[in-house]
Amino acid sequence: MYISSIGITPTRFTGWTPIKSDNKKQIEKINTVLSDPKNKRIAISGHNFPDADSIGACLAGAYLLNKKTNRIIDVYIFGSIPDKFKYLQNPQIMNIIEVKDNEYFYRNKPKPYDVAI
């Protein structure tokens, strides 16, 4: 329950439903792409100099994508993961790639991906 300006209102956990039909169409397109068995290589990344929110979103996204596709997800972190978050890595779900400088892509041939988020 939470307190609102009009009193106590019960909280309902019934799931999220897109309000606009355009949103629903976009979500269905995303689901179609992720469900396509041809899309085998998936990568996810956050922003440069990641904070805890960016790292957490990437790792949570990788976890959910793994559950949806049953594939190991490459997670690009453009910086370093602080030691206090290292325990969140799971090699059965994700492959963490820390990009600590722009030279990474010049030294390593970038992998081809079917889906990048």
PDB file of N, CA and C in Angstrom:
ATOM      1  N   MET A   1       0.842  -1.180   0.000  1.00  0.00           N
ATOM      2  CA  MET A   1       0.000   0.000   0.000  1.00  0.00           C
ATOM      3  C   MET A   1       0.883   1.237   0.000  1.00  0.00           C
ATOM      4  N   TYR A   2       0.342   2.305  -0.540  1.00  0.00           N
ATOM      5  CA  TYR A   2       1.051   3.571  -0.474  1.00  0.00           C
ATOM      6  C   TYR A   2       0.070   4.669  -0.098  1.00  0.00           C
ATOM      7  N   ILE A   3       0.624   5.744   0.412  1.00  0.00           N
ATOM      8  CA  ILE A   3      -0.211   6.861   0.859  1.00  0.00           C
ATOM      9  C   ILE A   3      -0.262   7.896  -0.251  1.00  0.00           C
ATOM     10  N   SER A   4      -1.453   8.262  -0.657  1.00  0.00           N
ATOM     11  CA  SER A   4      -1.616   9.288  -1.674  1.00  0.00           C
ATOM     12  C   SER A   4      -2.278  10.503  -1.034  1.00  0.00           C
ATOM     13  N   SER A   5      -2.437  11.550  -1.804  1.00  0.00           N
ATOM     14  CA  SER A   5      -3.042  12.774  -1.279  1.00  0.00           C
ATOM     15  C   SER A   5      -4.518  12.590  -0.926  1.00  0.00           C
ATOM     16  N   ILE A   6      -5.123  11.521  -1.418  1.00  0.00           N
ATOM     17  CA  ILE A   6      -6.535  11.295  -1.116  1.00  0.00           C
ATOM     18  C   ILE A   6      -6.736  10.167  -0.111  1.00  0.00           C
ATOM     19  N   GLY A   7      -5.661   9.692   0.487  1.00  0.00           N
ATOM     20  CA  GLY A   7      -5.777   8.642   1.488  1.00  0.00           C
ATOM     21  C   GLY A   7      -4.971   7.426   1.105  1.00  0.00           C
ATOM     22  N   ILE A   8      -5.270   6.324   1.759  1.00  0.00           N
ATOM     23  CA  ILE A   8      -4.541   5.085   1.507  1.00  0.00           C
ATOM     24  C   ILE A   8      -5.198   4.356   0.338  1.00  0.00           C
ATOM     25  N   THR A   9      -4.370   3.983  -0.643  1.00  0.00           N
ATOM     26  CA  THR A   9      -4.846   3.317  -1.844  1.00  0.00           C
ATOM     27  C   THR A   9      -4.184   1.946  -1.932  1.00  0.00           C
ATOM     28  N   PRO A  10      -4.965   0.900  -2.181  1.00  0.00           N
ATOM     29  CA  PRO A  10      -4.334  -0.426  -2.299  1.00  0.00           C
ATOM     30  C   PRO A  10      -3.456  -0.506  -3.546  1.00  0.00           C
ATOM     31  N   THR A  11      -2.323  -1.164  -3.399  1.00  0.00           N
ATOM     32  CA  THR A  11      -1.422  -1.393  -4.522  1.00  0.00           C
ATOM     33  C   THR A  11      -1.819  -2.692  -5.193  1.00  0.00           C
ATOM     34  N   ARG A  12      -1.878  -2.678  -6.496  1.00  0.00           N
ATOM     35  CA  ARG A  12      -2.223  -3.880  -7.256  1.00  0.00           C
ATOM     36  C   ARG A  12      -1.042  -4.285  -8.120  1.00  0.00           C
ATOM     37  N   PHE A  13      -0.728  -5.540  -8.105  1.00  0.00           N
ATOM     38  CA  PHE A  13       0.358  -6.074  -8.907  1.00  0.00           C
ATOM     39  C   PHE A  13      -0.236  -6.964  -9.989  1.00  0.00           C
ATOM     40  N   THR A  14      -0.777  -6.327 -10.991  1.00  0.00           N
ATOM     41  CA  THR A  14      -1.452  -7.076 -12.052  1.00  0.00           C
ATOM     42  C   THR A  14      -0.645  -7.107 -13.336  1.00  0.00           C
ATOM     43  N   GLY A  15       0.554  -6.586 -13.314  1.00  0.00           N
ATOM     44  CA  GLY A  15       1.362  -6.549 -14.530  1.00  0.00           C
ATOM     45  C   GLY A  15       1.183  -5.240 -15.265  1.00  0.00           C
ATOM     46  N   TRP A  16       2.079  -4.978 -16.201  1.00  0.00           N
ATOM     47  CA  TRP A  16       2.054  -3.737 -16.950  1.00  0.00           C
ATOM     48  C   TRP A  16       1.441  -3.988 -18.311  1.00  0.00           C
ATOM     49  N   THR A  17       0.585  -3.086 -18.732  1.00  0.00           N
ATOM     50  CA  THR A  17      -0.029  -3.171 -20.051  1.00  0.00           C
ATOM     51  C   THR A  17       0.206  -1.847 -20.764  1.00  0.00           C
ATOM     52  N   PRO A  18       0.728  -1.886 -21.989  1.00  0.00           N
ATOM     53  CA  PRO A  18       0.924  -0.635 -22.720  1.00  0.00           C
ATOM     54  C   PRO A  18      -0.406   0.081 -22.925  1.00  0.00           C
ATOM     55  N   ILE A  19      -0.387   1.390 -22.731  1.00  0.00           N
ATOM     56  CA  ILE A  19      -1.607   2.172 -22.888  1.00  0.00           C
ATOM     57  C   ILE A  19      -1.846   2.495 -24.353  1.00  0.00           C
ATOM     58  N   LYS A  20      -0.819   2.930 -25.033  1.00  0.00           N
ATOM     59  CA  LYS A  20      -0.968   3.302 -26.433  1.00  0.00           C
ATOM     60  C   LYS A  20      -0.790   2.084 -27.332  1.00  0.00           C
ATOM     61  N   SER A  21      -1.589   2.018 -28.382  1.00  0.00           N
ATOM     62  CA  SER A  21      -1.478   0.885 -29.303  1.00  0.00           C
ATOM     63  C   SER A  21      -0.116   0.873 -30.002  1.00  0.00           C
ATOM     64  N   ASP A  22       0.481   2.057 -30.217  1.00  0.00           N
ATOM     65  CA  ASP A  22       1.811   2.111 -30.835  1.00  0.00           C
ATOM     66  C   ASP A  22       2.847   1.434 -29.944  1.00  0.00           C
ATOM     67  N   ASN A  23       2.760   1.646 -28.644  1.00  0.00           N
ATOM     68  CA  ASN A  23       3.697   1.001 -27.715  1.00  0.00           C
ATOM     69  C   ASN A  23       3.558  -0.510 -27.793  1.00  0.00           C
ATOM     70  N   LYS A  24       2.330  -0.974 -27.834  1.00  0.00           N
ATOM     71  CA  LYS A  24       2.091  -2.416 -27.898  1.00  0.00           C
ATOM     72  C   LYS A  24       2.686  -3.000 -29.179  1.00  0.00           C
ATOM     73  N   LYS A  25       2.540  -2.291 -30.293  1.00  0.00           N
ATOM     74  CA  LYS A  25       3.109  -2.756 -31.559  1.00  0.00           C
ATOM     75  C   LYS A  25       4.627  -2.845 -31.477  1.00  0.00           C
ATOM     76  N   GLN A  26       5.256  -1.845 -30.860  1.00  0.00           N
ATOM     77  CA  GLN A  26       6.711  -1.844 -30.730  1.00  0.00           C
ATOM     78  C   GLN A  26       7.181  -2.996 -29.848  1.00  0.00           C
ATOM     79  N   ILE A  27       6.470  -3.243 -28.766  1.00  0.00           N
ATOM     80  CA  ILE A  27       6.831  -4.341 -27.874  1.00  0.00           C
ATOM     81  C   ILE A  27       6.680  -5.672 -28.600  1.00  0.00           C
ATOM     82  N   GLU A  28       5.644  -5.815 -29.407  1.00  0.00           N
ATOM     83  CA  GLU A  28       5.452  -7.043 -30.176  1.00  0.00           C
ATOM     84  C   GLU A  28       6.573  -7.233 -31.196  1.00  0.00           C
ATOM     85  N   LYS A  29       7.046  -6.140 -31.816  1.00  0.00           N
ATOM     86  CA  LYS A  29       8.166  -6.229 -32.761  1.00  0.00           C
ATOM     87  C   LYS A  29       9.433  -6.687 -32.051  1.00  0.00           C
ATOM     88  N   ILE A  30       9.686  -6.116 -30.879  1.00  0.00           N
ATOM     89  CA  ILE A  30      10.869  -6.502 -30.103  1.00  0.00           C
ATOM     90  C   ILE A  30      10.788  -7.980 -29.743  1.00  0.00           C
ATOM     91  N   ASN A  31       9.631  -8.417 -29.298  1.00  0.00           N
ATOM     92  CA  ASN A  31       9.441  -9.821 -28.942  1.00  0.00           C
ATOM     93  C   ASN A  31       9.664 -10.730 -30.144  1.00  0.00           C
ATOM     94  N   THR A  32       9.200 -10.304 -31.318  1.00  0.00           N
ATOM     95  CA  THR A  32       9.396 -11.095 -32.539  1.00  0.00           C
ATOM     96  C   THR A  32      10.877 -11.233 -32.864  1.00  0.00           C
ATOM     97  N   VAL A  33      11.621 -10.140 -32.761  1.00  0.00           N
ATOM     98  CA  VAL A  33      13.058 -10.176 -33.046  1.00  0.00           C
ATOM     99  C   VAL A  33      13.765 -11.092 -32.056  1.00  0.00           C
ATOM    100  N   LEU A  34      13.454 -10.951 -30.770  1.00  0.00           N
ATOM    101  CA  LEU A  34      14.133 -11.766 -29.765  1.00  0.00           C
ATOM    102  C   LEU A  34      13.749 -13.239 -29.849  1.00  0.00           C
ATOM    103  N   SER A  35      12.556 -13.523 -30.330  1.00  0.00           N
ATOM    104  CA  SER A  35      12.097 -14.912 -30.447  1.00  0.00           C
ATOM    105  C   SER A  35      12.584 -15.610 -31.708  1.00  0.00           C
ATOM    106  N   ASP A  36      13.109 -14.858 -32.656  1.00  0.00           N
ATOM    107  CA  ASP A  36      13.561 -15.429 -33.922  1.00  0.00           C
ATOM    108  C   ASP A  36      14.800 -16.297 -33.698  1.00  0.00           C
ATOM    109  N   PRO A  37      14.735 -17.577 -34.005  1.00  0.00           N
ATOM    110  CA  PRO A  37      15.885 -18.466 -33.769  1.00  0.00           C
ATOM    111  C   PRO A  37      17.118 -18.122 -34.605  1.00  0.00           C
ATOM    112  N   LYS A  38      16.953 -17.320 -35.655  1.00  0.00           N
ATOM    113  CA  LYS A  38      18.102 -16.904 -36.467  1.00  0.00           C
ATOM    114  C   LYS A  38      18.971 -15.895 -35.720  1.00  0.00           C
ATOM    115  N   ASN A  39      18.398 -15.181 -34.765  1.00  0.00           N
ATOM    116  CA  ASN A  39      19.142 -14.166 -34.012  1.00  0.00           C
ATOM    117  C   ASN A  39      19.838 -14.835 -32.828  1.00  0.00           C
ATOM    118  N   LYS A  40      21.050 -15.313 -33.090  1.00  0.00           N
ATOM    119  CA  LYS A  40      21.774 -16.107 -32.091  1.00  0.00           C
ATOM    120  C   LYS A  40      22.742 -15.289 -31.257  1.00  0.00           C
ATOM    121  N   ARG A  41      23.350 -14.290 -31.841  1.00  0.00           N
ATOM    122  CA  ARG A  41      24.361 -13.502 -31.109  1.00  0.00           C
ATOM    123  C   ARG A  41      23.751 -12.177 -30.673  1.00  0.00           C
ATOM    124  N   ILE A  42      23.712 -11.982 -29.355  1.00  0.00           N
ATOM    125  CA  ILE A  42      23.063 -10.804 -28.782  1.00  0.00           C
ATOM    126  C   ILE A  42      24.052 -10.074 -27.885  1.00  0.00           C
ATOM    127  N   ALA A  43      24.083  -8.752 -28.016  1.00  0.00           N
ATOM    128  CA  ALA A  43      24.934  -7.916 -27.169  1.00  0.00           C
ATOM    129  C   ALA A  43      24.083  -6.819 -26.544  1.00  0.00           C
ATOM    130  N   ILE A  44      24.495  -6.400 -25.355  1.00  0.00           N
ATOM    131  CA  ILE A  44      23.832  -5.298 -24.665  1.00  0.00           C
ATOM    132  C   ILE A  44      24.926  -4.403 -24.087  1.00  0.00           C
ATOM    133  N   SER A  45      24.671  -3.101 -24.042  1.00  0.00           N
ATOM    134  CA  SER A  45      25.650  -2.185 -23.447  1.00  0.00           C
ATOM    135  C   SER A  45      24.938  -1.007 -22.809  1.00  0.00           C
ATOM    136  N   GLY A  46      25.673  -0.331 -21.969  1.00  0.00           N
ATOM    137  CA  GLY A  46      25.190   0.900 -21.339  1.00  0.00           C
ATOM    138  C   GLY A  46      25.973   2.079 -21.877  1.00  0.00           C
ATOM    139  N   HIS A  47      26.117   3.097 -21.054  1.00  0.00           N
ATOM    140  CA  HIS A  47      26.808   4.309 -21.489  1.00  0.00           C
ATOM    141  C   HIS A  47      28.259   4.329 -21.001  1.00  0.00           C
ATOM    142  N   ASN A  48      29.038   5.291 -21.528  1.00  0.00           N
ATOM    143  CA  ASN A  48      30.430   5.466 -21.111  1.00  0.00           C
ATOM    144  C   ASN A  48      30.490   5.830 -19.640  1.00  0.00           C
ATOM    145  N   PHE A  49      31.597   5.463 -18.996  1.00  0.00           N
ATOM    146  CA  PHE A  49      31.822   5.744 -17.582  1.00  0.00           C
ATOM    147  C   PHE A  49      30.588   5.342 -16.766  1.00  0.00           C
ATOM    148  N   PRO A  50      30.238   4.051 -16.816  1.00  0.00           N
ATOM    149  CA  PRO A  50      28.974   3.596 -16.237  1.00  0.00           C
ATOM    150  C   PRO A  50      28.898   3.784 -14.729  1.00  0.00           C
ATOM    151  N   ASP A  51      27.720   4.175 -14.289  1.00  0.00           N
ATOM    152  CA  ASP A  51      27.429   4.230 -12.867  1.00  0.00           C
ATOM    153  C   ASP A  51      26.695   2.949 -12.492  1.00  0.00           C
ATOM    154  N   ALA A  52      26.288   2.844 -11.245  1.00  0.00           N
ATOM    155  CA  ALA A  52      25.624   1.618 -10.784  1.00  0.00           C
ATOM    156  C   ALA A  52      24.334   1.354 -11.546  1.00  0.00           C
ATOM    157  N   ASP A  53      23.598   2.407 -11.903  1.00  0.00           N
ATOM    158  CA  ASP A  53      22.350   2.218 -12.652  1.00  0.00           C
ATOM    159  C   ASP A  53      22.614   1.593 -14.020  1.00  0.00           C
ATOM    160  N   SER A  54      23.627   2.082 -14.715  1.00  0.00           N
ATOM    161  CA  SER A  54      23.946   1.562 -16.044  1.00  0.00           C
ATOM    162  C   SER A  54      24.404   0.108 -15.968  1.00  0.00           C
ATOM    163  N   ILE A  55      25.291  -0.177 -15.028  1.00  0.00           N
ATOM    164  CA  ILE A  55      25.784  -1.548 -14.868  1.00  0.00           C
ATOM    165  C   ILE A  55      24.643  -2.474 -14.477  1.00  0.00           C
ATOM    166  N   GLY A  56      23.838  -2.042 -13.524  1.00  0.00           N
ATOM    167  CA  GLY A  56      22.702  -2.865 -13.088  1.00  0.00           C
ATOM    168  C   GLY A  56      21.710  -3.124 -14.202  1.00  0.00           C
ATOM    169  N   ALA A  57      21.442  -2.100 -15.018  1.00  0.00           N
ATOM    170  CA  ALA A  57      20.503  -2.265 -16.132  1.00  0.00           C
ATOM    171  C   ALA A  57      21.056  -3.254 -17.160  1.00  0.00           C
ATOM    172  N   CYS A  58      22.349  -3.168 -17.439  1.00  0.00           N
ATOM    173  CA  CYS A  58      22.966  -4.089 -18.402  1.00  0.00           C
ATOM    174  C   CYS A  58      22.922  -5.530 -17.895  1.00  0.00           C
ATOM    175  N   LEU A  59      23.289  -5.734 -16.634  1.00  0.00           N
ATOM    176  CA  LEU A  59      23.314  -7.085 -16.088  1.00  0.00           C
ATOM    177  C   LEU A  59      21.901  -7.657 -15.965  1.00  0.00           C
ATOM    178  N   ALA A  60      20.950  -6.826 -15.545  1.00  0.00           N
ATOM    179  CA  ALA A  60      19.554  -7.281 -15.457  1.00  0.00           C
ATOM    180  C   ALA A  60      19.011  -7.575 -16.851  1.00  0.00           C
ATOM    181  N   GLY A  61      19.331  -6.711 -17.806  1.00  0.00           N
ATOM    182  CA  GLY A  61      18.901  -6.938 -19.188  1.00  0.00           C
ATOM    183  C   GLY A  61      19.474  -8.224 -19.741  1.00  0.00           C
ATOM    184  N   ALA A  62      20.754  -8.485 -19.456  1.00  0.00           N
ATOM    185  CA  ALA A  62      21.394  -9.716 -19.916  1.00  0.00           C
ATOM    186  C   ALA A  62      20.720 -10.937 -19.289  1.00  0.00           C
ATOM    187  N   TYR A  63      20.402 -10.835 -18.016  1.00  0.00           N
ATOM    188  CA  TYR A  63      19.724 -11.940 -17.337  1.00  0.00           C
ATOM    189  C   TYR A  63      18.372 -12.231 -17.995  1.00  0.00           C
ATOM    190  N   LEU A  64      17.586 -11.181 -18.236  1.00  0.00           N
ATOM    191  CA  LEU A  64      16.266 -11.365 -18.844  1.00  0.00           C
ATOM    192  C   LEU A  64      16.367 -11.869 -20.284  1.00  0.00           C
ATOM    193  N   LEU A  65      17.328 -11.340 -21.039  1.00  0.00           N
ATOM    194  CA  LEU A  65      17.522 -11.814 -22.412  1.00  0.00           C
ATOM    195  C   LEU A  65      17.935 -13.285 -22.430  1.00  0.00           C
ATOM    196  N   ASN A  66      18.777 -13.681 -21.484  1.00  0.00           N
ATOM    197  CA  ASN A  66      19.179 -15.081 -21.386  1.00  0.00           C
ATOM    198  C   ASN A  66      17.966 -15.960 -21.092  1.00  0.00           C
ATOM    199  N   LYS A  67      17.105 -15.525 -20.199  1.00  0.00           N
ATOM    200  CA  LYS A  67      15.918 -16.314 -19.873  1.00  0.00           C
ATOM    201  C   LYS A  67      14.974 -16.402 -21.070  1.00  0.00           C
ATOM    202  N   LYS A  68      14.903 -15.341 -21.871  1.00  0.00           N
ATOM    203  CA  LYS A  68      14.031 -15.321 -23.053  1.00  0.00           C
ATOM    204  C   LYS A  68      14.592 -16.182 -24.181  1.00  0.00           C
ATOM    205  N   THR A  69      15.912 -16.122 -24.396  1.00  0.00           N
ATOM    206  CA  THR A  69      16.527 -16.745 -25.573  1.00  0.00           C
ATOM    207  C   THR A  69      17.347 -17.989 -25.269  1.00  0.00           C
ATOM    208  N   ASN A  70      17.697 -18.199 -24.007  1.00  0.00           N
ATOM    209  CA  ASN A  70      18.563 -19.304 -23.594  1.00  0.00           C
ATOM    210  C   ASN A  70      19.941 -19.209 -24.256  1.00  0.00           C
ATOM    211  N   ARG A  71      20.411 -17.983 -24.473  1.00  0.00           N
ATOM    212  CA  ARG A  71      21.729 -17.742 -25.065  1.00  0.00           C
ATOM    213  C   ARG A  71      22.589 -16.945 -24.082  1.00  0.00           C
ATOM    214  N   ILE A  72      23.896 -17.111 -24.177  1.00  0.00           N
ATOM    215  CA  ILE A  72      24.804 -16.293 -23.377  1.00  0.00           C
ATOM    216  C   ILE A  72      24.876 -14.925 -24.041  1.00  0.00           C
ATOM    217  N   ILE A  73      24.672 -13.875 -23.260  1.00  0.00           N
ATOM    218  CA  ILE A  73      24.605 -12.507 -23.762  1.00  0.00           C
ATOM    219  C   ILE A  73      25.946 -11.814 -23.520  1.00  0.00           C
ATOM    220  N   ASP A  74      26.492 -11.153 -24.552  1.00  0.00           N
ATOM    221  CA  ASP A  74      27.698 -10.338 -24.391  1.00  0.00           C
ATOM    222  C   ASP A  74      27.290  -8.981 -23.830  1.00  0.00           C
ATOM    223  N   VAL A  75      27.904  -8.601 -22.707  1.00  0.00           N
ATOM    224  CA  VAL A  75      27.607  -7.326 -22.052  1.00  0.00           C
ATOM    225  C   VAL A  75      28.844  -6.445 -22.168  1.00  0.00           C
ATOM    226  N   TYR A  76      28.723  -5.357 -22.903  1.00  0.00           N
ATOM    227  CA  TYR A  76      29.820  -4.408 -23.054  1.00  0.00           C
ATOM    228  C   TYR A  76      29.682  -3.325 -21.991  1.00  0.00           C
ATOM    229  N   ILE A  77      30.707  -3.220 -21.155  1.00  0.00           N
ATOM    230  CA  ILE A  77      30.768  -2.181 -20.134  1.00  0.00           C
ATOM    231  C   ILE A  77      31.869  -1.223 -20.574  1.00  0.00           C
ATOM    232  N   PHE A  78      31.505   0.002 -20.894  1.00  0.00           N
ATOM    233  CA  PHE A  78      32.472   0.999 -21.384  1.00  0.00           C
ATOM    234  C   PHE A  78      33.103   1.708 -20.192  1.00  0.00           C
ATOM    235  N   GLY A  79      33.989   0.984 -19.562  1.00  0.00           N
ATOM    236  CA  GLY A  79      34.669   1.383 -18.338  1.00  0.00           C
ATOM    237  C   GLY A  79      34.967   0.101 -17.584  1.00  0.00           C
ATOM    238  N   SER A  80      34.961   0.175 -16.284  1.00  0.00           N
ATOM    239  CA  SER A  80      35.225  -1.004 -15.462  1.00  0.00           C
ATOM    240  C   SER A  80      34.065  -1.244 -14.515  1.00  0.00           C
ATOM    241  N   ILE A  81      33.836  -2.501 -14.213  1.00  0.00           N
ATOM    242  CA  ILE A  81      32.856  -2.842 -13.192  1.00  0.00           C
ATOM    243  C   ILE A  81      33.567  -2.762 -11.840  1.00  0.00           C
ATOM    244  N   PRO A  82      33.064  -1.940 -10.927  1.00  0.00           N
ATOM    245  CA  PRO A  82      33.681  -1.880  -9.595  1.00  0.00           C
ATOM    246  C   PRO A  82      33.659  -3.254  -8.922  1.00  0.00           C
ATOM    247  N   ASP A  83      34.656  -3.509  -8.106  1.00  0.00           N
ATOM    248  CA  ASP A  83      34.769  -4.807  -7.439  1.00  0.00           C
ATOM    249  C   ASP A  83      33.503  -5.175  -6.672  1.00  0.00           C
ATOM    250  N   LYS A  84      32.810  -4.191  -6.117  1.00  0.00           N
ATOM    251  CA  LYS A  84      31.623  -4.502  -5.310  1.00  0.00           C
ATOM    252  C   LYS A  84      30.472  -5.071  -6.152  1.00  0.00           C
ATOM    253  N   PHE A  85      30.554  -4.959  -7.505  1.00  0.00           N
ATOM    254  CA  PHE A  85      29.513  -5.512  -8.372  1.00  0.00           C
ATOM    255  C   PHE A  85      29.960  -6.784  -9.098  1.00  0.00           C
ATOM    256  N   LYS A  86      31.203  -7.194  -8.909  1.00  0.00           N
ATOM    257  CA  LYS A  86      31.736  -8.354  -9.644  1.00  0.00           C
ATOM    258  C   LYS A  86      30.959  -9.630  -9.338  1.00  0.00           C
ATOM    259  N   TYR A  87      30.400  -9.730  -8.147  1.00  0.00           N
ATOM    260  CA  TYR A  87      29.676 -10.954  -7.779  1.00  0.00           C
ATOM    261  C   TYR A  87      28.414 -11.156  -8.624  1.00  0.00           C
ATOM    262  N   LEU A  88      27.938 -10.110  -9.292  1.00  0.00           N
ATOM    263  CA  LEU A  88      26.730 -10.207 -10.108  1.00  0.00           C
ATOM    264  C   LEU A  88      26.969 -10.899 -11.451  1.00  0.00           C
ATOM    265  N   GLN A  89      28.229 -11.056 -11.829  1.00  0.00           N
ATOM    266  CA  GLN A  89      28.548 -11.689 -13.103  1.00  0.00           C
ATOM    267  C   GLN A  89      28.289 -13.188 -13.020  1.00  0.00           C
ATOM    268  N   ASN A  90      27.695 -13.725 -14.065  1.00  0.00           N
ATOM    269  CA  ASN A  90      27.429 -15.158 -14.122  1.00  0.00           C
ATOM    270  C   ASN A  90      27.794 -15.644 -15.524  1.00  0.00           C
ATOM    271  N   PRO A  91      28.902 -16.371 -15.667  1.00  0.00           N
ATOM    272  CA  PRO A  91      29.349 -16.788 -17.008  1.00  0.00           C
ATOM    273  C   PRO A  91      28.397 -17.748 -17.714  1.00  0.00           C
ATOM    274  N   GLN A  92      27.447 -18.330 -17.000  1.00  0.00           N
ATOM    275  CA  GLN A  92      26.456 -19.192 -17.652  1.00  0.00           C
ATOM    276  C   GLN A  92      25.338 -18.372 -18.281  1.00  0.00           C
ATOM    277  N   ILE A  93      25.297 -17.080 -17.962  1.00  0.00           N
ATOM    278  CA  ILE A  93      24.250 -16.189 -18.467  1.00  0.00           C
ATOM    279  C   ILE A  93      24.826 -15.103 -19.366  1.00  0.00           C
ATOM    280  N   MET A  94      26.003 -14.583 -18.989  1.00  0.00           N
ATOM    281  CA  MET A  94      26.551 -13.426 -19.685  1.00  0.00           C
ATOM    282  C   MET A  94      28.063 -13.498 -19.794  1.00  0.00           C
ATOM    283  N   ASN A  95      28.565 -12.828 -20.811  1.00  0.00           N
ATOM    284  CA  ASN A  95      29.992 -12.667 -21.027  1.00  0.00           C
ATOM    285  C   ASN A  95      30.280 -11.172 -20.904  1.00  0.00           C
ATOM    286  N   ILE A  96      30.964 -10.768 -19.830  1.00  0.00           N
ATOM    287  CA  ILE A  96      31.266  -9.359 -19.593  1.00  0.00           C
ATOM    288  C   ILE A  96      32.505  -8.970 -20.386  1.00  0.00           C
ATOM    289  N   ILE A  97      32.383  -7.884 -21.161  1.00  0.00           N
ATOM    290  CA  ILE A  97      33.504  -7.350 -21.923  1.00  0.00           C
ATOM    291  C   ILE A  97      33.713  -5.915 -21.458  1.00  0.00           C
ATOM    292  N   GLU A  98      34.779  -5.700 -20.683  1.00  0.00           N
ATOM    293  CA  GLU A  98      35.078  -4.357 -20.193  1.00  0.00           C
ATOM    294  C   GLU A  98      35.917  -3.634 -21.238  1.00  0.00           C
ATOM    295  N   VAL A  99      35.385  -2.543 -21.747  1.00  0.00           N
ATOM    296  CA  VAL A  99      36.080  -1.720 -22.735  1.00  0.00           C
ATOM    297  C   VAL A  99      36.628  -0.518 -21.980  1.00  0.00           C
ATOM    298  N   LYS A 100      37.919  -0.592 -21.655  1.00  0.00           N
ATOM    299  CA  LYS A 100      38.512   0.440 -20.799  1.00  0.00           C
ATOM    300  C   LYS A 100      39.089   1.611 -21.573  1.00  0.00           C
ATOM    301  N   ASP A 101      39.220   1.454 -22.880  1.00  0.00           N
ATOM    302  CA  ASP A 101      39.676   2.561 -23.722  1.00  0.00           C
ATOM    303  C   ASP A 101      39.196   2.330 -25.145  1.00  0.00           C
ATOM    304  N   ASN A 102      39.250   3.353 -25.965  1.00  0.00           N
ATOM    305  CA  ASN A 102      38.762   3.240 -27.339  1.00  0.00           C
ATOM    306  C   ASN A 102      39.625   2.347 -28.216  1.00  0.00           C
ATOM    307  N   GLU A 103      40.816   2.024 -27.757  1.00  0.00           N
ATOM    308  CA  GLU A 103      41.708   1.174 -28.537  1.00  0.00           C
ATOM    309  C   GLU A 103      41.219  -0.265 -28.598  1.00  0.00           C
ATOM    310  N   TYR A 104      40.283  -0.635 -27.748  1.00  0.00           N
ATOM    311  CA  TYR A 104      39.793  -2.013 -27.688  1.00  0.00           C
ATOM    312  C   TYR A 104      39.369  -2.509 -29.067  1.00  0.00           C
ATOM    313  N   PHE A 105      38.576  -1.707 -29.754  1.00  0.00           N
ATOM    314  CA  PHE A 105      38.033  -2.145 -31.035  1.00  0.00           C
ATOM    315  C   PHE A 105      39.087  -2.166 -32.142  1.00  0.00           C
ATOM    316  N   TYR A 106      40.173  -1.444 -31.951  1.00  0.00           N
ATOM    317  CA  TYR A 106      41.251  -1.494 -32.932  1.00  0.00           C
ATOM    318  C   TYR A 106      42.148  -2.709 -32.695  1.00  0.00           C
ATOM    319  N   ARG A 107      42.294  -3.116 -31.430  1.00  0.00           N
ATOM    320  CA  ARG A 107      43.125  -4.275 -31.097  1.00  0.00           C
ATOM    321  C   ARG A 107      42.373  -5.589 -31.301  1.00  0.00           C
ATOM    322  N   ASN A 108      41.063  -5.560 -31.133  1.00  0.00           N
ATOM    323  CA  ASN A 108      40.247  -6.767 -31.220  1.00  0.00           C
ATOM    324  C   ASN A 108      39.223  -6.598 -32.324  1.00  0.00           C
ATOM    325  N   LYS A 109      39.135  -7.573 -33.176  1.00  0.00           N
ATOM    326  CA  LYS A 109      38.148  -7.503 -34.231  1.00  0.00           C
ATOM    327  C   LYS A 109      36.754  -7.600 -33.598  1.00  0.00           C
ATOM    328  N   PRO A 110      35.898  -6.610 -33.839  1.00  0.00           N
ATOM    329  CA  PRO A 110      34.551  -6.662 -33.268  1.00  0.00           C
ATOM    330  C   PRO A 110      33.786  -7.890 -33.758  1.00  0.00           C
ATOM    331  N   LYS A 111      33.014  -8.472 -32.846  1.00  0.00           N
ATOM    332  CA  LYS A 111      32.218  -9.633 -33.188  1.00  0.00           C
ATOM    333  C   LYS A 111      30.965  -9.208 -33.921  1.00  0.00           C
ATOM    334  N   PRO A 112      30.494 -10.001 -34.858  1.00  0.00           N
ATOM    335  CA  PRO A 112      29.203  -9.673 -35.507  1.00  0.00           C
ATOM    336  C   PRO A 112      28.055 -10.109 -34.585  1.00  0.00           C
ATOM    337  N   TYR A 113      27.056  -9.272 -34.493  1.00  0.00           N
ATOM    338  CA  TYR A 113      25.886  -9.573 -33.666  1.00  0.00           C
ATOM    339  C   TYR A 113      24.625  -9.539 -34.516  1.00  0.00           C
ATOM    340  N   ASP A 114      23.656 -10.352 -34.138  1.00  0.00           N
ATOM    341  CA  ASP A 114      22.359 -10.352 -34.792  1.00  0.00           C
ATOM    342  C   ASP A 114      21.458  -9.300 -34.154  1.00  0.00           C
ATOM    343  N   VAL A 115      21.641  -9.073 -32.855  1.00  0.00           N
ATOM    344  CA  VAL A 115      20.857  -8.075 -32.108  1.00  0.00           C
ATOM    345  C   VAL A 115      21.791  -7.353 -31.161  1.00  0.00           C
ATOM    346  N   ALA A 116      21.697  -6.020 -31.150  1.00  0.00           N
ATOM    347  CA  ALA A 116      22.464  -5.203 -30.197  1.00  0.00           C
ATOM    348  C   ALA A 116      21.513  -4.239 -29.509  1.00  0.00           C
ATOM    349  N   ILE A 117      21.627  -4.178 -28.201  1.00  0.00           N
ATOM    350  CA  ILE A 117      20.740  -3.319 -27.412  1.00  0.00           C
ATOM    351  C   ILE A 117      21.578  -2.325 -26.638  1.00  0.00           C
TER     352      ILE A 117
END
